Amino acid sequence: MAFKQLKLWFDKDLAIMLADKILPIKPSFPKAKFVQIVDKQVAPLELKDRVAVLANSLVICLDDTYENNIEILLQILGPENLEETGMFKNFYWVMPIAKYVETNGLAHFDISMNAIKEITKRNTGEYTIRPYLEQYPKKTLKVMKQWAKDKNKHVRRLASEGVRPRLPWATKLDQFIKDPTPILPILNTLKDDPSKYVQKSVANCLNDLVKDNIEIAKEVIESWVPDATKERKWIIKHALRNLLKKSDAWAEGIVG
């Protein structure tokens, strides 16, 4: 993927790529129609709207049940991303599939949870999961607590990144701003994760808590200090970075 603005990759060429991936599985897929629909709409749009156009065009052109469409879309995902980078460089083309699940899958919880898990192994499900947390908070958190124990680092990262109350470029999760205690078991599970990729997500989630629920954040962090591993120490310091910049006495005492 040569360097150019990310939004510009979501265009006619990407529509052709997706169609060519779908055709071997569904020979009746109307490639020309799909490419034409996308090409007519994307030019004036920004990234998120371009992704939405591609997702909506998949709805029109796959023209089948959600269950059958997801079966096809999961088959085109290809090999998993084994690195901690490359989500948007090598797997940017998965984003319309994630958007498809986000906007069309709420009535199919189990199928969608499996799809989100597979998507995040290549790209990310951190935005896709949020409507599910809003509509099915207990059921979705139950799944995400299991994801926090998954062998795949991308799935573990999604467990914390997806519940961030203030995830950038996403709608706020007001229920966790009001009461973050339901997400604490996930953070506790991941507090010693060996992956820096996961550690950064946990730290950022804790940093969100610091912004809105400082007393709860302090309680969590103070409980982590005894016998803290090097991984946990890094998470704590990164979570407190904004307070440390302000020379906050409590934060400075925590990091020593």
C-alpha atoms as a PDB file:
ATOM      1  CA  MET A   1       0.000   0.000   0.000  1.00  0.00           C
ATOM      2  CA  ALA A   2       1.796   3.131  -1.234  1.00  0.00           C
ATOM      3  CA  PHE A   3       1.509   6.244   0.872  1.00  0.00           C
ATOM      4  CA  LYS A   4      -1.609   8.296   0.304  1.00  0.00           C
ATOM      5  CA  GLN A   5      -4.407   9.574   2.479  1.00  0.00           C
ATOM      6  CA  LEU A   6      -6.272   6.615   3.990  1.00  0.00           C
ATOM      7  CA  LYS A   7      -9.703   7.723   2.794  1.00  0.00           C
ATOM      8  CA  LEU A   8      -8.535   7.632  -0.819  1.00  0.00           C
ATOM      9  CA  TRP A   9      -8.086   3.880  -0.670  1.00  0.00           C
ATOM     10  CA  PHE A  10     -11.854   3.475  -0.295  1.00  0.00           C
ATOM     11  CA  ASP A  11     -12.778   3.985  -3.912  1.00  0.00           C
ATOM     12  CA  LYS A  12     -13.579   2.252  -7.177  1.00  0.00           C
ATOM     13  CA  ASP A  13     -10.382   0.173  -7.012  1.00  0.00           C
ATOM     14  CA  LEU A  14     -11.304  -1.176  -3.597  1.00  0.00           C
ATOM     15  CA  ALA A  15     -14.764  -2.050  -4.885  1.00  0.00           C
ATOM     16  CA  ILE A  16     -13.109  -4.027  -7.678  1.00  0.00           C
ATOM     17  CA  MET A  17     -10.851  -5.771  -5.153  1.00  0.00           C
ATOM     18  CA  LEU A  18     -13.760  -6.765  -2.920  1.00  0.00           C
ATOM     19  CA  ALA A  19     -15.827  -7.961  -5.862  1.00  0.00           C
ATOM     20  CA  ASP A  20     -12.948 -10.091  -7.120  1.00  0.00           C
ATOM     21  CA  LYS A  21     -12.611 -11.682  -3.671  1.00  0.00           C
ATOM     22  CA  ILE A  22     -16.353 -12.424  -3.504  1.00  0.00           C
ATOM     23  CA  LEU A  23     -16.851 -13.788  -7.030  1.00  0.00           C
ATOM     24  CA  PRO A  24     -15.091 -17.164  -6.531  1.00  0.00           C
ATOM     25  CA  ILE A  25     -17.454 -17.835  -3.611  1.00  0.00           C
ATOM     26  CA  LYS A  26     -20.565 -16.251  -5.120  1.00  0.00           C
ATOM     27  CA  PRO A  27     -20.270 -16.258  -8.941  1.00  0.00           C
ATOM     28  CA  SER A  28     -23.585 -14.386  -9.260  1.00  0.00           C
ATOM     29  CA  PHE A  29     -22.241 -11.338  -7.420  1.00  0.00           C
ATOM     30  CA  PRO A  30     -22.927  -8.300  -9.683  1.00  0.00           C
ATOM     31  CA  LYS A  31     -19.431  -6.839  -9.868  1.00  0.00           C
ATOM     32  CA  ALA A  32     -20.217  -4.118 -12.396  1.00  0.00           C
ATOM     33  CA  LYS A  33     -23.214  -2.899 -10.391  1.00  0.00           C
ATOM     34  CA  PHE A  34     -21.248  -2.920  -7.134  1.00  0.00           C
ATOM     35  CA  VAL A  35     -18.346  -0.957  -8.617  1.00  0.00           C
ATOM     36  CA  GLN A  36     -20.695   1.536 -10.255  1.00  0.00           C
ATOM     37  CA  ILE A  37     -22.637   2.200  -7.028  1.00  0.00           C
ATOM     38  CA  VAL A  38     -19.427   2.854  -5.105  1.00  0.00           C
ATOM     39  CA  ASP A  39     -17.781   4.925  -7.823  1.00  0.00           C
ATOM     40  CA  LYS A  40     -20.781   7.263  -8.119  1.00  0.00           C
ATOM     41  CA  GLN A  41     -20.813   8.139  -4.419  1.00  0.00           C
ATOM     42  CA  VAL A  42     -17.377   8.150  -2.792  1.00  0.00           C
ATOM     43  CA  ALA A  43     -15.524  11.061  -4.418  1.00  0.00           C
ATOM     44  CA  PRO A  44     -16.803  13.936  -2.174  1.00  0.00           C
ATOM     45  CA  LEU A  45     -16.880  11.883   1.026  1.00  0.00           C
ATOM     46  CA  GLU A  46     -14.558  11.557   4.010  1.00  0.00           C
ATOM     47  CA  LEU A  47     -13.222   8.239   5.331  1.00  0.00           C
ATOM     48  CA  LYS A  48     -16.095   7.055   7.523  1.00  0.00           C
ATOM     49  CA  ASP A  49     -18.711   7.872   4.905  1.00  0.00           C
ATOM     50  CA  ARG A  50     -16.704   6.146   2.186  1.00  0.00           C
ATOM     51  CA  VAL A  51     -16.524   3.008   4.308  1.00  0.00           C
ATOM     52  CA  ALA A  52     -20.282   3.230   4.887  1.00  0.00           C
ATOM     53  CA  VAL A  53     -20.929   3.474   1.137  1.00  0.00           C
ATOM     54  CA  LEU A  54     -18.958   0.286   0.540  1.00  0.00           C
ATOM     55  CA  ALA A  55     -20.790  -1.492   3.363  1.00  0.00           C
ATOM     56  CA  ASN A  56     -24.205  -0.374   2.089  1.00  0.00           C
ATOM     57  CA  SER A  57     -23.274  -1.432  -1.422  1.00  0.00           C
ATOM     58  CA  LEU A  58     -22.446  -4.901  -0.089  1.00  0.00           C
ATOM     59  CA  VAL A  59     -25.977  -5.062   1.346  1.00  0.00           C
ATOM     60  CA  ILE A  60     -27.472  -4.190  -2.036  1.00  0.00           C
ATOM     61  CA  CYS A  61     -25.323  -6.480  -4.146  1.00  0.00           C
ATOM     62  CA  LEU A  62     -25.015  -9.545  -1.928  1.00  0.00           C
ATOM     63  CA  ASP A  63     -28.815  -9.487  -1.785  1.00  0.00           C
ATOM     64  CA  ASP A  64     -29.264 -12.405   0.621  1.00  0.00           C
ATOM     65  CA  THR A  65     -29.829 -13.043   4.314  1.00  0.00           C
ATOM     66  CA  TYR A  66     -27.387 -11.618   6.831  1.00  0.00           C
ATOM     67  CA  GLU A  67     -26.362 -15.141   7.827  1.00  0.00           C
ATOM     68  CA  ASN A  68     -25.486 -16.121   4.260  1.00  0.00           C
ATOM     69  CA  ASN A  69     -23.759 -12.844   3.504  1.00  0.00           C
ATOM     70  CA  ILE A  70     -21.555 -13.085   6.588  1.00  0.00           C
ATOM     71  CA  GLU A  71     -20.542 -16.609   5.654  1.00  0.00           C
ATOM     72  CA  ILE A  72     -19.291 -15.267   2.329  1.00  0.00           C
ATOM     73  CA  LEU A  73     -17.564 -12.215   3.800  1.00  0.00           C
ATOM     74  CA  LEU A  74     -15.724 -14.243   6.428  1.00  0.00           C
ATOM     75  CA  GLN A  75     -14.379 -16.515   3.708  1.00  0.00           C
ATOM     76  CA  ILE A  76     -12.667 -13.615   1.938  1.00  0.00           C
ATOM     77  CA  LEU A  77     -10.805 -12.364   5.028  1.00  0.00           C
ATOM     78  CA  GLY A  78      -7.760 -14.509   4.330  1.00  0.00           C
ATOM     79  CA  PRO A  79      -4.832 -15.126   6.706  1.00  0.00           C
ATOM     80  CA  GLU A  80      -4.758 -13.534  10.141  1.00  0.00           C
ATOM     81  CA  ASN A  81      -2.494 -10.582  10.919  1.00  0.00           C
ATOM     82  CA  LEU A  82       0.360 -12.006  12.979  1.00  0.00           C
ATOM     83  CA  GLU A  83       1.913  -8.608  13.727  1.00  0.00           C
ATOM     84  CA  GLU A  84       0.911  -5.818  16.106  1.00  0.00           C
ATOM     85  CA  THR A  85       0.844  -3.372  13.190  1.00  0.00           C
ATOM     86  CA  GLY A  86      -0.634  -3.449   9.700  1.00  0.00           C
ATOM     87  CA  MET A  87      -4.307  -3.119  10.621  1.00  0.00           C
ATOM     88  CA  PHE A  88      -4.747  -0.177   8.272  1.00  0.00           C
ATOM     89  CA  LYS A  89      -1.742  -0.678   5.998  1.00  0.00           C
ATOM     90  CA  ASN A  90      -2.348  -4.264   4.914  1.00  0.00           C
ATOM     91  CA  PHE A  91      -5.910  -4.948   6.037  1.00  0.00           C
ATOM     92  CA  TYR A  92      -7.590  -1.582   5.394  1.00  0.00           C
ATOM     93  CA  TRP A  93      -9.923  -3.296   2.914  1.00  0.00           C
ATOM     94  CA  VAL A  94     -11.598  -5.210   5.784  1.00  0.00           C
ATOM     95  CA  MET A  95     -13.123  -1.997   7.184  1.00  0.00           C
ATOM     96  CA  PRO A  96     -16.279  -2.117   5.007  1.00  0.00           C
ATOM     97  CA  ILE A  97     -16.907  -5.665   6.232  1.00  0.00           C
ATOM     98  CA  ALA A  98     -16.621  -4.464   9.834  1.00  0.00           C
ATOM     99  CA  LYS A  99     -19.033  -1.637   9.035  1.00  0.00           C
ATOM    100  CA  TYR A 100     -21.431  -4.136   7.461  1.00  0.00           C
ATOM    101  CA  VAL A 101     -21.528  -6.093  10.742  1.00  0.00           C
ATOM    102  CA  GLU A 102     -21.863  -2.885  12.775  1.00  0.00           C
ATOM    103  CA  THR A 103     -24.906  -1.645  10.864  1.00  0.00           C
ATOM    104  CA  ASN A 104     -26.656  -4.871   9.887  1.00  0.00           C
ATOM    105  CA  GLY A 105     -25.896  -7.508  12.502  1.00  0.00           C
ATOM    106  CA  LEU A 106     -27.577  -6.399  15.715  1.00  0.00           C
ATOM    107  CA  ALA A 107     -30.441  -8.873  15.294  1.00  0.00           C
ATOM    108  CA  HIS A 108     -27.952 -11.743  14.915  1.00  0.00           C
ATOM    109  CA  PHE A 109     -25.896 -11.536  18.097  1.00  0.00           C
ATOM    110  CA  ASP A 110     -23.962 -14.817  18.096  1.00  0.00           C
ATOM    111  CA  ILE A 111     -23.140 -14.700  14.382  1.00  0.00           C
ATOM    112  CA  SER A 112     -21.993 -11.100  14.712  1.00  0.00           C
ATOM    113  CA  MET A 113     -19.811 -11.766  17.754  1.00  0.00           C
ATOM    114  CA  ASN A 114     -17.999 -14.477  15.823  1.00  0.00           C
ATOM    115  CA  ALA A 115     -17.652 -12.166  12.826  1.00  0.00           C
ATOM    116  CA  ILE A 116     -16.251  -9.327  14.944  1.00  0.00           C
ATOM    117  CA  LYS A 117     -13.724 -11.697  16.484  1.00  0.00           C
ATOM    118  CA  GLU A 118     -12.535 -12.836  13.062  1.00  0.00           C
ATOM    119  CA  ILE A 119     -12.459  -9.298  11.670  1.00  0.00           C
ATOM    120  CA  THR A 120     -10.349  -7.999  14.534  1.00  0.00           C
ATOM    121  CA  LYS A 121      -7.703 -10.638  13.842  1.00  0.00           C
ATOM    122  CA  ARG A 122      -6.998  -8.714  10.629  1.00  0.00           C
ATOM    123  CA  ASN A 123      -8.262  -5.158  11.053  1.00  0.00           C
ATOM    124  CA  THR A 124     -10.245  -4.038  14.124  1.00  0.00           C
ATOM    125  CA  GLY A 125     -13.661  -4.493  15.682  1.00  0.00           C
ATOM    126  CA  GLU A 126     -13.311  -1.645  18.177  1.00  0.00           C
ATOM    127  CA  TYR A 127     -15.942   0.496  16.451  1.00  0.00           C
ATOM    128  CA  THR A 128     -18.118  -2.396  15.317  1.00  0.00           C
ATOM    129  CA  ILE A 129     -18.611  -3.681  18.864  1.00  0.00           C
ATOM    130  CA  ARG A 130     -19.979  -0.452  20.317  1.00  0.00           C
ATOM    131  CA  PRO A 131     -23.622  -0.702  19.151  1.00  0.00           C
ATOM    132  CA  TYR A 132     -23.669  -4.206  20.626  1.00  0.00           C
ATOM    133  CA  LEU A 133     -22.417  -2.894  23.973  1.00  0.00           C
ATOM    134  CA  GLU A 134     -25.187  -0.313  23.922  1.00  0.00           C
ATOM    135  CA  GLN A 135     -27.986  -2.702  22.942  1.00  0.00           C
ATOM    136  CA  TYR A 136     -26.800  -5.880  24.704  1.00  0.00           C
ATOM    137  CA  PRO A 137     -24.412  -4.680  27.440  1.00  0.00           C
ATOM    138  CA  LYS A 138     -24.442  -7.783  29.651  1.00  0.00           C
ATOM    139  CA  LYS A 139     -24.307 -10.317  26.803  1.00  0.00           C
ATOM    140  CA  THR A 140     -21.558  -8.427  24.988  1.00  0.00           C
ATOM    141  CA  LEU A 141     -19.442  -7.906  28.106  1.00  0.00           C
ATOM    142  CA  LYS A 142     -19.712 -11.626  28.854  1.00  0.00           C
ATOM    143  CA  VAL A 143     -18.224 -12.383  25.433  1.00  0.00           C
ATOM    144  CA  MET A 144     -15.544  -9.712  25.802  1.00  0.00           C
ATOM    145  CA  LYS A 145     -14.441 -11.092  29.168  1.00  0.00           C
ATOM    146  CA  GLN A 146     -13.691 -14.341  27.358  1.00  0.00           C
ATOM    147  CA  TRP A 147     -11.914 -12.452  24.594  1.00  0.00           C
ATOM    148  CA  ALA A 148      -9.615 -10.961  27.249  1.00  0.00           C
ATOM    149  CA  LYS A 149      -8.279 -14.508  27.779  1.00  0.00           C
ATOM    150  CA  ASP A 150      -7.924 -15.370  24.085  1.00  0.00           C
ATOM    151  CA  LYS A 151      -4.601 -16.614  22.707  1.00  0.00           C
ATOM    152  CA  ASN A 152      -4.804 -14.025  19.907  1.00  0.00           C
ATOM    153  CA  LYS A 153      -3.394 -10.631  20.916  1.00  0.00           C
ATOM    154  CA  HIS A 154      -5.730  -8.758  18.573  1.00  0.00           C
ATOM    155  CA  VAL A 155      -8.765 -10.334  20.234  1.00  0.00           C
ATOM    156  CA  ARG A 156      -7.395  -9.525  23.707  1.00  0.00           C
ATOM    157  CA  ARG A 157      -6.788  -5.941  22.626  1.00  0.00           C
ATOM    158  CA  LEU A 158     -10.362  -5.654  21.368  1.00  0.00           C
ATOM    159  CA  ALA A 159     -11.608  -6.648  24.821  1.00  0.00           C
ATOM    160  CA  SER A 160     -10.153  -3.451  26.296  1.00  0.00           C
ATOM    161  CA  GLU A 161     -10.189  -1.121  23.275  1.00  0.00           C
ATOM    162  CA  GLY A 162     -13.832  -1.877  22.529  1.00  0.00           C
ATOM    163  CA  VAL A 163     -15.019  -0.877  26.013  1.00  0.00           C
ATOM    164  CA  ARG A 164     -13.062   2.387  26.153  1.00  0.00           C
ATOM    165  CA  PRO A 165     -15.564   5.024  27.316  1.00  0.00           C
ATOM    166  CA  ARG A 166     -13.941   7.701  25.144  1.00  0.00           C
ATOM    167  CA  LEU A 167     -12.519   5.847  22.147  1.00  0.00           C
ATOM    168  CA  PRO A 168     -11.267   8.433  19.595  1.00  0.00           C
ATOM    169  CA  TRP A 169     -13.370   8.819  16.443  1.00  0.00           C
ATOM    170  CA  ALA A 170     -16.188   6.778  18.025  1.00  0.00           C
ATOM    171  CA  THR A 171     -19.356   7.556  19.923  1.00  0.00           C
ATOM    172  CA  LYS A 172     -18.854   7.760  23.687  1.00  0.00           C
ATOM    173  CA  LEU A 173     -20.076   4.840  25.782  1.00  0.00           C
ATOM    174  CA  ASP A 174     -22.061   6.903  28.269  1.00  0.00           C
ATOM    175  CA  GLN A 175     -22.974   3.886  30.390  1.00  0.00           C
ATOM    176  CA  PHE A 176     -19.282   3.330  31.192  1.00  0.00           C
ATOM    177  CA  ILE A 177     -18.650   7.031  31.754  1.00  0.00           C
ATOM    178  CA  LYS A 178     -21.437   6.953  34.310  1.00  0.00           C
ATOM    179  CA  ASP A 179     -20.345   3.645  35.847  1.00  0.00           C
ATOM    180  CA  PRO A 180     -17.121   1.987  34.644  1.00  0.00           C
ATOM    181  CA  THR A 181     -17.233  -0.897  37.124  1.00  0.00           C
ATOM    182  CA  PRO A 182     -18.598  -3.420  34.546  1.00  0.00           C
ATOM    183  CA  ILE A 183     -15.405  -3.097  32.480  1.00  0.00           C
ATOM    184  CA  LEU A 184     -12.964  -3.475  35.370  1.00  0.00           C
ATOM    185  CA  PRO A 185     -12.816  -7.306  35.214  1.00  0.00           C
ATOM    186  CA  ILE A 186     -11.505  -7.017  31.649  1.00  0.00           C
ATOM    187  CA  LEU A 187      -8.769  -4.592  32.690  1.00  0.00           C
ATOM    188  CA  ASN A 188      -7.822  -6.786  35.629  1.00  0.00           C
ATOM    189  CA  THR A 189      -7.503  -9.794  33.351  1.00  0.00           C
ATOM    190  CA  LEU A 190      -5.200  -7.874  30.988  1.00  0.00           C
ATOM    191  CA  LYS A 191      -3.075  -5.973  33.497  1.00  0.00           C
ATOM    192  CA  ASP A 192      -0.024  -8.220  32.929  1.00  0.00           C
ATOM    193  CA  ASP A 193      -0.518  -8.943  29.235  1.00  0.00           C
ATOM    194  CA  PRO A 194       2.801  -9.628  27.457  1.00  0.00           C
ATOM    195  CA  SER A 195       1.805  -7.787  24.263  1.00  0.00           C
ATOM    196  CA  LYS A 196       2.741  -4.097  24.133  1.00  0.00           C
ATOM    197  CA  TYR A 197      -0.154  -3.666  21.720  1.00  0.00           C
ATOM    198  CA  VAL A 198      -2.571  -4.872  24.412  1.00  0.00           C
ATOM    199  CA  GLN A 199      -0.790  -2.997  27.189  1.00  0.00           C
ATOM    200  CA  LYS A 200      -1.229   0.303  25.358  1.00  0.00           C
ATOM    201  CA  SER A 201      -4.959  -0.359  24.959  1.00  0.00           C
ATOM    202  CA  VAL A 202      -5.382  -1.176  28.656  1.00  0.00           C
ATOM    203  CA  ALA A 203      -3.472   1.981  29.580  1.00  0.00           C
ATOM    204  CA  ASN A 204      -5.616   4.100  27.284  1.00  0.00           C
ATOM    205  CA  CYS A 205      -8.771   2.608  28.756  1.00  0.00           C
ATOM    206  CA  LEU A 206      -7.523   3.419  32.250  1.00  0.00           C
ATOM    207  CA  ASN A 207      -6.656   6.917  31.066  1.00  0.00           C
ATOM    208  CA  ASP A 208     -10.289   7.327  30.000  1.00  0.00           C
ATOM    209  CA  LEU A 209     -11.329   6.337  33.515  1.00  0.00           C
ATOM    210  CA  VAL A 210      -8.939   8.901  34.984  1.00  0.00           C
ATOM    211  CA  LYS A 211     -10.715  11.617  32.997  1.00  0.00           C
ATOM    212  CA  ASP A 212     -14.234  10.793  34.212  1.00  0.00           C
ATOM    213  CA  ASN A 213     -13.949   8.599  37.321  1.00  0.00           C
ATOM    214  CA  ILE A 214     -10.706   9.510  39.021  1.00  0.00           C
ATOM    215  CA  GLU A 215     -11.539   7.887  42.360  1.00  0.00           C
ATOM    216  CA  ILE A 216     -12.385   4.545  40.729  1.00  0.00           C
ATOM    217  CA  ALA A 217      -9.261   4.802  38.567  1.00  0.00           C
ATOM    218  CA  LYS A 218      -7.141   5.486  41.640  1.00  0.00           C
ATOM    219  CA  GLU A 219      -8.633   2.489  43.431  1.00  0.00           C
ATOM    220  CA  VAL A 220      -7.853   0.202  40.492  1.00  0.00           C
ATOM    221  CA  ILE A 221      -4.311   1.488  40.024  1.00  0.00           C
ATOM    222  CA  GLU A 222      -3.503   1.355  43.744  1.00  0.00           C
ATOM    223  CA  SER A 223      -4.682  -2.261  43.827  1.00  0.00           C
ATOM    224  CA  TRP A 224      -2.281  -3.039  40.968  1.00  0.00           C
ATOM    225  CA  VAL A 225       0.821  -1.523  42.559  1.00  0.00           C
ATOM    226  CA  PRO A 226       1.773  -4.341  44.979  1.00  0.00           C
ATOM    227  CA  ASP A 227       3.892  -6.982  43.213  1.00  0.00           C
ATOM    228  CA  ALA A 228       3.467  -5.167  39.902  1.00  0.00           C
ATOM    229  CA  THR A 229       5.168  -6.799  36.932  1.00  0.00           C
ATOM    230  CA  LYS A 230       7.157  -4.723  34.440  1.00  0.00           C
ATOM    231  CA  GLU A 231       4.188  -4.955  32.080  1.00  0.00           C
ATOM    232  CA  ARG A 232       1.813  -3.633  34.714  1.00  0.00           C
ATOM    233  CA  LYS A 233       4.199  -0.847  35.687  1.00  0.00           C
ATOM    234  CA  TRP A 234       4.342   0.293  32.062  1.00  0.00           C
ATOM    235  CA  ILE A 235       0.527   0.256  31.816  1.00  0.00           C
ATOM    236  CA  ILE A 236       0.163   2.297  35.017  1.00  0.00           C
ATOM    237  CA  LYS A 237       2.725   4.900  33.946  1.00  0.00           C
ATOM    238  CA  HIS A 238       1.189   5.251  30.492  1.00  0.00           C
ATOM    239  CA  ALA A 239      -2.314   5.514  31.970  1.00  0.00           C
ATOM    240  CA  LEU A 240      -1.154   8.343  34.230  1.00  0.00           C
ATOM    241  CA  ARG A 241       0.738  10.268  31.552  1.00  0.00           C
ATOM    242  CA  ASN A 242      -1.595  13.272  31.591  1.00  0.00           C
ATOM    243  CA  LEU A 243      -1.507  13.561  35.376  1.00  0.00           C
ATOM    244  CA  LEU A 244       2.287  13.195  35.347  1.00  0.00           C
ATOM    245  CA  LYS A 245       2.546  16.080  32.863  1.00  0.00           C
ATOM    246  CA  LYS A 246       0.653  18.169  35.412  1.00  0.00           C
ATOM    247  CA  SER A 247       3.048  17.045  38.182  1.00  0.00           C
ATOM    248  CA  ASP A 248       0.136  15.481  40.068  1.00  0.00           C
ATOM    249  CA  ALA A 249       1.449  14.415  43.478  1.00  0.00           C
ATOM    250  CA  TRP A 250      -0.610  11.208  43.667  1.00  0.00           C
ATOM    251  CA  ALA A 251       0.464  10.055  40.189  1.00  0.00           C
ATOM    252  CA  GLU A 252       4.098  10.852  40.888  1.00  0.00           C
ATOM    253  CA  GLY A 253       3.899   8.850  44.095  1.00  0.00           C
ATOM    254  CA  ILE A 254       2.422   5.866  42.259  1.00  0.00           C
ATOM    255  CA  VAL A 255       5.180   5.693  39.621  1.00  0.00           C
ATOM    256  CA  GLY A 256       7.879   6.408  42.192  1.00  0.00           C
END
